[in-house]
């Protein structure tokens, strides 16, 4: 009896783990709501940049058409879904990719150890310069997420 009980337990746990891992692949449009920053719209230039990088990475035209780009509320990128699914694949880019200069950084709500950053201090100025993304940094971030999607295909 103990062996059958253990096998059932392991089987149910495995099924639950596969199910939880597979949910973002099967229903990506629902998982987008967990990460999406609704008030942030994706600029057409950024959407075009994502699609150009996807073409350069060897994505097929129908796969590029199945890409959905959105801005996350987090500071990290995220990708889920599948390029061949009817719902497509989702690439979430953090709000930092929208920053175009030091002013965008200093107007953000970033904190250091829970305290506001004094952007006029020497540390604040250096930090703002470091956090302003260059075009190649944004392209790398996009390619990184697209590589995750491509490896699932």
Protein backbone atom coordinates (compact mmCIF):
# COMPACT_ATOMS: atom_id res chain seq x y z
CA UNK A 1 0.00 0.00 0.00
CA UNK A 2 2.77 2.45 0.85
CA UNK A 3 4.38 2.05 -2.56
CA UNK A 4 1.09 2.72 -4.37
CA UNK A 5 0.45 5.75 -2.17
CA UNK A 6 3.93 7.14 -2.86
CA UNK A 7 3.56 6.58 -6.59
CA UNK A 8 0.21 8.37 -6.59
CA UNK A 9 1.69 11.26 -4.60
CA UNK A 10 4.68 11.56 -6.90
CA UNK A 11 2.43 11.31 -9.94
CA UNK A 12 0.08 14.02 -8.71
CA UNK A 13 2.98 16.31 -7.75
CA UNK A 14 4.60 15.80 -11.15
CA UNK A 15 1.35 16.46 -12.94
CA UNK A 16 0.80 19.64 -10.91
CA UNK A 17 4.34 20.87 -11.61
CA UNK A 18 4.02 20.24 -15.35
CA UNK A 19 0.59 21.86 -15.34
CA UNK A 20 1.82 24.98 -13.55
CA UNK A 21 4.84 25.26 -15.83
CA UNK A 22 2.70 24.70 -18.91
CA UNK A 23 -0.03 27.22 -18.09
CA UNK A 24 1.91 30.24 -19.39
CA UNK A 25 2.53 28.34 -22.62
CA UNK A 26 -1.11 27.41 -23.06
CA UNK A 27 -2.77 30.63 -21.84
CA UNK A 28 -0.19 33.41 -22.31
CA UNK A 29 -2.79 36.14 -22.76
CA UNK A 30 -3.96 35.60 -19.17
CA UNK A 31 -0.45 35.68 -17.70
CA UNK A 32 0.21 39.02 -19.35
CA UNK A 33 -2.15 40.65 -16.85
CA UNK A 34 0.16 39.68 -13.98
CA UNK A 35 3.12 41.49 -15.52
CA UNK A 36 1.55 44.24 -17.60
CA UNK A 37 1.90 47.91 -16.70
CA UNK A 38 -1.42 49.05 -18.23
CA UNK A 39 -0.65 52.77 -18.40
CA UNK A 40 2.52 52.14 -20.44
CA UNK A 41 2.04 51.86 -24.16
CA UNK A 42 4.69 50.31 -26.38
CA UNK A 43 6.04 52.96 -28.73
CA UNK A 44 5.89 51.92 -32.40
CA UNK A 45 9.69 52.31 -32.67
CA UNK A 46 10.22 49.74 -29.89
CA UNK A 47 7.74 47.31 -31.47
CA UNK A 48 9.52 47.70 -34.81
CA UNK A 49 12.89 47.15 -33.11
CA UNK A 50 11.64 43.89 -31.52
CA UNK A 51 10.40 42.63 -34.89
CA UNK A 52 13.64 43.57 -36.69
CA UNK A 53 15.71 41.73 -34.08
CA UNK A 54 13.40 38.71 -34.38
CA UNK A 55 13.98 38.63 -38.16
CA UNK A 56 17.75 38.91 -37.62
CA UNK A 57 17.57 35.99 -35.19
CA UNK A 58 15.96 33.82 -37.85
CA UNK A 59 12.33 33.90 -36.76
CA UNK A 60 9.91 33.02 -39.53
CA UNK A 61 7.47 35.73 -40.71
CA UNK A 62 4.47 33.99 -39.10
CA UNK A 63 6.39 33.76 -35.81
CA UNK A 64 7.21 37.47 -35.91
CA UNK A 65 3.53 38.19 -36.52
CA UNK A 66 2.71 36.11 -33.41
CA UNK A 67 4.91 38.26 -31.13
CA UNK A 68 3.14 40.53 -28.66
CA UNK A 69 5.22 43.19 -26.90
CA UNK A 70 4.23 44.92 -23.67
CA UNK A 71 5.83 46.96 -20.87
CA UNK A 72 6.12 45.21 -17.49
CA UNK A 73 5.56 46.74 -14.09
CA UNK A 74 8.75 45.02 -12.89
CA UNK A 75 12.37 45.93 -13.56
CA UNK A 76 13.12 42.69 -15.37
CA UNK A 77 12.12 41.28 -18.73
CA UNK A 78 9.78 38.35 -19.15
CA UNK A 79 8.73 36.11 -22.01
CA UNK A 80 6.10 33.39 -22.17
CA UNK A 81 3.82 31.68 -24.61
CA UNK A 82 4.79 29.82 -27.74
CA UNK A 83 5.47 31.13 -31.23
CA UNK A 84 3.35 28.41 -32.82
CA UNK A 85 0.33 28.72 -30.53
CA UNK A 86 -2.81 30.52 -31.70
CA UNK A 87 -2.32 33.08 -28.91
CA UNK A 88 1.30 33.72 -29.80
CA UNK A 89 4.23 34.59 -27.61
CA UNK A 90 4.58 37.57 -25.29
CA UNK A 91 7.70 39.62 -24.63
CA UNK A 92 7.52 41.93 -21.64
CA UNK A 93 10.17 44.63 -21.45
CA UNK A 94 10.73 46.73 -18.33
CA UNK A 95 9.84 50.41 -18.23
CA UNK A 96 13.56 51.26 -18.29
CA UNK A 97 13.71 50.56 -22.03
CA UNK A 98 11.49 53.65 -22.46
CA UNK A 99 14.03 55.89 -20.74
CA UNK A 100 15.80 58.07 -23.27
CA UNK A 101 17.90 60.27 -21.00
CA UNK A 102 18.94 61.16 -17.49
CA UNK A 103 15.72 63.13 -16.95
CA UNK A 104 13.64 59.98 -17.38
CA UNK A 105 15.75 58.21 -14.76
CA UNK A 106 15.57 61.03 -12.23
CA UNK A 107 11.79 61.26 -12.60
CA UNK A 108 11.39 57.54 -11.86
CA UNK A 109 10.33 56.10 -8.53
CA UNK A 110 13.58 54.23 -7.91
CA UNK A 111 14.76 53.87 -4.32
CA UNK A 112 18.00 52.78 -2.68
CA UNK A 113 17.35 50.48 0.28
CA UNK A 114 13.83 51.87 0.55
CA UNK A 115 14.96 55.50 0.64
CA UNK A 116 14.55 58.04 -2.17
CA UNK A 117 17.66 58.78 -4.20
CA UNK A 118 19.10 62.28 -4.16
CA UNK A 119 19.62 62.71 -7.89
CA UNK A 120 21.57 65.96 -7.35
CA UNK A 121 24.30 64.20 -5.36
CA UNK A 122 27.44 62.83 -6.98
CA UNK A 123 26.17 59.28 -6.43
CA UNK A 124 22.75 60.16 -7.88
CA UNK A 125 24.25 61.71 -11.02
CA UNK A 126 26.54 58.72 -11.62
CA UNK A 127 23.68 56.30 -11.01
CA UNK A 128 21.39 58.17 -13.41
CA UNK A 129 24.07 58.02 -16.13
CA UNK A 130 24.53 54.27 -15.55
CA UNK A 131 20.81 53.56 -15.69
CA UNK A 132 20.18 55.38 -18.96
CA UNK A 133 20.09 52.52 -21.50
CA UNK A 134 21.91 52.75 -24.79
CA UNK A 135 20.42 51.41 -28.00
CA UNK A 136 22.68 48.36 -27.91
CA UNK A 137 21.68 47.56 -24.30
CA UNK A 138 18.01 47.66 -25.25
CA UNK A 139 18.68 45.50 -28.31
CA UNK A 140 20.54 42.97 -26.16
CA UNK A 141 17.67 42.82 -23.67
CA UNK A 142 15.19 42.22 -26.50
CA UNK A 143 17.39 39.55 -28.10
CA UNK A 144 17.81 37.83 -24.73
CA UNK A 145 14.05 37.43 -24.31
CA UNK A 146 13.58 36.39 -27.92
CA UNK A 147 16.26 33.71 -27.42
CA UNK A 148 14.19 32.31 -24.54
CA UNK A 149 11.17 32.11 -26.81
CA UNK A 150 13.14 30.55 -29.63
CA UNK A 151 14.57 27.87 -27.33
CA UNK A 152 10.99 26.85 -26.39
CA UNK A 153 10.10 26.40 -30.06
